[in-house]
Amino acid sequence: MKTLSVRAAELGLTEDELAFYDAVAANPSALHMGEDVLQQIARHLYRLVSEDVTVDWRIKEQARDRIRAKVQFLLNYYGYPPDKAPDAIDRVLKQTEVKAEEWA
């Protein structure tokens, strides 16, 4: 089994970006978008959430709603399968919670 750093390097992503790649690539119909598009989405998601996450973001529902709206917009922008977007947004928010603890 490949380590996170090896998988990330193979995809040209950081380990943080890989977490978001895995969140959006978990949907089989999203794989039809292509690896390059999913990589772009992962990079955008990482930038989006890392800029918007504060230490107490998990406590404030307003901050979570703002991130949710930005993620929804980004997925729509890239043409992510709309029927699977709610699941992807939930996975991205869960990854954000994990990463927020590391970034804090």
C-alpha atoms as a PDB file:
ATOM      1  CA  MET A   1       0.000   0.000   0.000  1.00  0.00           C
ATOM      2  CA  LYS A   2       1.315   3.434  -0.942  1.00  0.00           C
ATOM      3  CA  THR A   3       1.943   6.044   1.710  1.00  0.00           C
ATOM      4  CA  LEU A   4       0.137   9.378   1.630  1.00  0.00           C
ATOM      5  CA  SER A   5       3.280  11.196   0.584  1.00  0.00           C
ATOM      6  CA  VAL A   6       3.870   8.785  -2.322  1.00  0.00           C
ATOM      7  CA  ARG A   7       0.251   9.067  -3.508  1.00  0.00           C
ATOM      8  CA  ALA A   8       0.380  12.845  -3.192  1.00  0.00           C
ATOM      9  CA  ALA A   9       3.631  13.050  -5.142  1.00  0.00           C
ATOM     10  CA  GLU A  10       2.267  10.801  -7.899  1.00  0.00           C
ATOM     11  CA  LEU A  11      -0.706  13.149  -8.298  1.00  0.00           C
ATOM     12  CA  GLY A  12       1.403  16.307  -8.027  1.00  0.00           C
ATOM     13  CA  LEU A  13      -0.395  17.348  -4.833  1.00  0.00           C
ATOM     14  CA  THR A  14       0.582  18.117  -1.264  1.00  0.00           C
ATOM     15  CA  GLU A  15      -0.668  15.751   1.439  1.00  0.00           C
ATOM     16  CA  ASP A  16      -3.214  18.394   2.483  1.00  0.00           C
ATOM     17  CA  GLU A  17      -4.461  18.711  -1.107  1.00  0.00           C
ATOM     18  CA  LEU A  18      -4.610  14.907  -1.363  1.00  0.00           C
ATOM     19  CA  ALA A  19      -7.131  14.819   1.500  1.00  0.00           C
ATOM     20  CA  PHE A  20      -9.478  17.022  -0.530  1.00  0.00           C
ATOM     21  CA  TYR A  21      -8.747  15.084  -3.729  1.00  0.00           C
ATOM     22  CA  ASP A  22      -9.838  11.901  -1.961  1.00  0.00           C
ATOM     23  CA  ALA A  23     -12.988  13.663  -0.721  1.00  0.00           C
ATOM     24  CA  VAL A  24     -14.119  14.598  -4.233  1.00  0.00           C
ATOM     25  CA  ALA A  25     -12.762  11.494  -5.986  1.00  0.00           C
ATOM     26  CA  ALA A  26     -14.732   9.192  -3.659  1.00  0.00           C
ATOM     27  CA  ASN A  27     -17.687   9.613  -6.020  1.00  0.00           C
ATOM     28  CA  PRO A  28     -17.269   7.162  -8.935  1.00  0.00           C
ATOM     29  CA  SER A  29     -19.142   9.431 -11.358  1.00  0.00           C
ATOM     30  CA  ALA A  30     -16.722  12.264 -10.531  1.00  0.00           C
ATOM     31  CA  LEU A  31     -13.849  10.135 -11.793  1.00  0.00           C
ATOM     32  CA  HIS A  32     -15.222  10.675 -15.299  1.00  0.00           C
ATOM     33  CA  MET A  33     -14.250  14.326 -14.932  1.00  0.00           C
ATOM     34  CA  GLY A  34     -10.615  13.254 -15.201  1.00  0.00           C
ATOM     35  CA  GLU A  35      -7.688  13.266 -12.837  1.00  0.00           C
ATOM     36  CA  ASP A  36      -6.502  16.724 -13.953  1.00  0.00           C
ATOM     37  CA  VAL A  37      -9.838  18.357 -13.109  1.00  0.00           C
ATOM     38  CA  LEU A  38     -10.037  16.578  -9.761  1.00  0.00           C
ATOM     39  CA  GLN A  39      -6.499  17.759  -8.981  1.00  0.00           C
ATOM     40  CA  GLN A  40      -7.500  21.347  -9.804  1.00  0.00           C
ATOM     41  CA  ILE A  41     -10.563  21.035  -7.582  1.00  0.00           C
ATOM     42  CA  ALA A  42      -8.412  19.654  -4.741  1.00  0.00           C
ATOM     43  CA  ARG A  43      -5.930  22.542  -5.026  1.00  0.00           C
ATOM     44  CA  HIS A  44      -8.761  25.090  -5.050  1.00  0.00           C
ATOM     45  CA  LEU A  45     -10.492  23.428  -2.107  1.00  0.00           C
ATOM     46  CA  TYR A  46      -7.284  23.429  -0.092  1.00  0.00           C
ATOM     47  CA  ARG A  47      -6.707  27.139  -0.746  1.00  0.00           C
ATOM     48  CA  LEU A  48     -10.340  27.966  -0.096  1.00  0.00           C
ATOM     49  CA  VAL A  49     -10.645  26.229   3.251  1.00  0.00           C
ATOM     50  CA  SER A  50      -7.144  26.938   4.550  1.00  0.00           C
ATOM     51  CA  GLU A  51      -7.714  30.670   4.034  1.00  0.00           C
ATOM     52  CA  ASP A  52     -11.146  30.571   5.649  1.00  0.00           C
ATOM     53  CA  VAL A  53     -10.556  28.301   8.621  1.00  0.00           C
ATOM     54  CA  THR A  54     -10.029  29.913  11.989  1.00  0.00           C
ATOM     55  CA  VAL A  55      -9.298  28.205  15.274  1.00  0.00           C
ATOM     56  CA  ASP A  56     -12.944  28.437  16.342  1.00  0.00           C
ATOM     57  CA  TRP A  57     -14.532  27.840  12.942  1.00  0.00           C
ATOM     58  CA  ARG A  58     -16.078  24.544  14.048  1.00  0.00           C
ATOM     59  CA  ILE A  59     -17.981  26.335  16.805  1.00  0.00           C
ATOM     60  CA  LYS A  60     -19.449  28.986  14.551  1.00  0.00           C
ATOM     61  CA  GLU A  61     -22.170  27.655  12.303  1.00  0.00           C
ATOM     62  CA  GLN A  62     -21.926  30.826  10.222  1.00  0.00           C
ATOM     63  CA  ALA A  63     -18.309  30.040   9.303  1.00  0.00           C
ATOM     64  CA  ARG A  64     -19.249  26.460   8.362  1.00  0.00           C
ATOM     65  CA  ASP A  65     -22.106  27.756   6.217  1.00  0.00           C
ATOM     66  CA  ARG A  66     -19.741  30.176   4.469  1.00  0.00           C
ATOM     67  CA  ILE A  67     -17.285  27.364   3.687  1.00  0.00           C
ATOM     68  CA  ARG A  68     -20.154  25.105   2.562  1.00  0.00           C
ATOM     69  CA  ALA A  69     -21.369  27.802   0.144  1.00  0.00           C
ATOM     70  CA  LYS A  70     -17.875  28.330  -1.266  1.00  0.00           C
ATOM     71  CA  VAL A  71     -17.355  24.592  -1.739  1.00  0.00           C
ATOM     72  CA  GLN A  72     -20.738  24.300  -3.481  1.00  0.00           C
ATOM     73  CA  PHE A  73     -19.830  27.171  -5.799  1.00  0.00           C
ATOM     74  CA  LEU A  74     -16.451  25.630  -6.593  1.00  0.00           C
ATOM     75  CA  LEU A  75     -17.931  22.211  -7.365  1.00  0.00           C
ATOM     76  CA  ASN A  76     -20.570  23.820  -9.589  1.00  0.00           C
ATOM     77  CA  TYR A  77     -17.866  25.820 -11.358  1.00  0.00           C
ATOM     78  CA  TYR A  78     -15.990  22.652 -12.266  1.00  0.00           C
ATOM     79  CA  GLY A  79     -19.142  20.787 -13.282  1.00  0.00           C
ATOM     80  CA  TYR A  80     -18.989  18.270 -10.455  1.00  0.00           C
ATOM     81  CA  PRO A  81     -21.904  15.812 -10.765  1.00  0.00           C
ATOM     82  CA  PRO A  82     -24.748  17.708  -9.044  1.00  0.00           C
ATOM     83  CA  ASP A  83     -26.437  14.569  -7.736  1.00  0.00           C
ATOM     84  CA  LYS A  84     -23.284  13.732  -5.788  1.00  0.00           C
ATOM     85  CA  ALA A  85     -22.301  17.254  -4.690  1.00  0.00           C
ATOM     86  CA  PRO A  86     -24.020  17.120  -1.254  1.00  0.00           C
ATOM     87  CA  ASP A  87     -22.018  14.009  -0.318  1.00  0.00           C
ATOM     88  CA  ALA A  88     -18.807  15.586  -1.609  1.00  0.00           C
ATOM     89  CA  ILE A  89     -19.479  18.772   0.371  1.00  0.00           C
ATOM     90  CA  ASP A  90     -19.978  16.720   3.538  1.00  0.00           C
ATOM     91  CA  ARG A  91     -16.714  14.857   2.901  1.00  0.00           C
ATOM     92  CA  VAL A  92     -14.884  18.146   2.285  1.00  0.00           C
ATOM     93  CA  LEU A  93     -16.255  19.605   5.529  1.00  0.00           C
ATOM     94  CA  LYS A  94     -15.143  16.494   7.422  1.00  0.00           C
ATOM     95  CA  GLN A  95     -11.664  16.806   5.897  1.00  0.00           C
ATOM     96  CA  THR A  96     -11.685  20.491   6.836  1.00  0.00           C
ATOM     97  CA  GLU A  97     -12.427  19.578  10.460  1.00  0.00           C
ATOM     98  CA  VAL A  98      -9.463  17.193  10.506  1.00  0.00           C
ATOM     99  CA  LYS A  99      -7.149  19.676   8.802  1.00  0.00           C
ATOM    100  CA  ALA A 100      -8.297  22.594  10.969  1.00  0.00           C
ATOM    101  CA  GLU A 101      -6.935  20.815  14.025  1.00  0.00           C
ATOM    102  CA  GLU A 102      -3.580  20.336  12.274  1.00  0.00           C
ATOM    103  CA  TRP A 103      -3.491  23.949  11.052  1.00  0.00           C
ATOM    104  CA  ALA A 104      -4.503  25.443  14.421  1.00  0.00           C
END
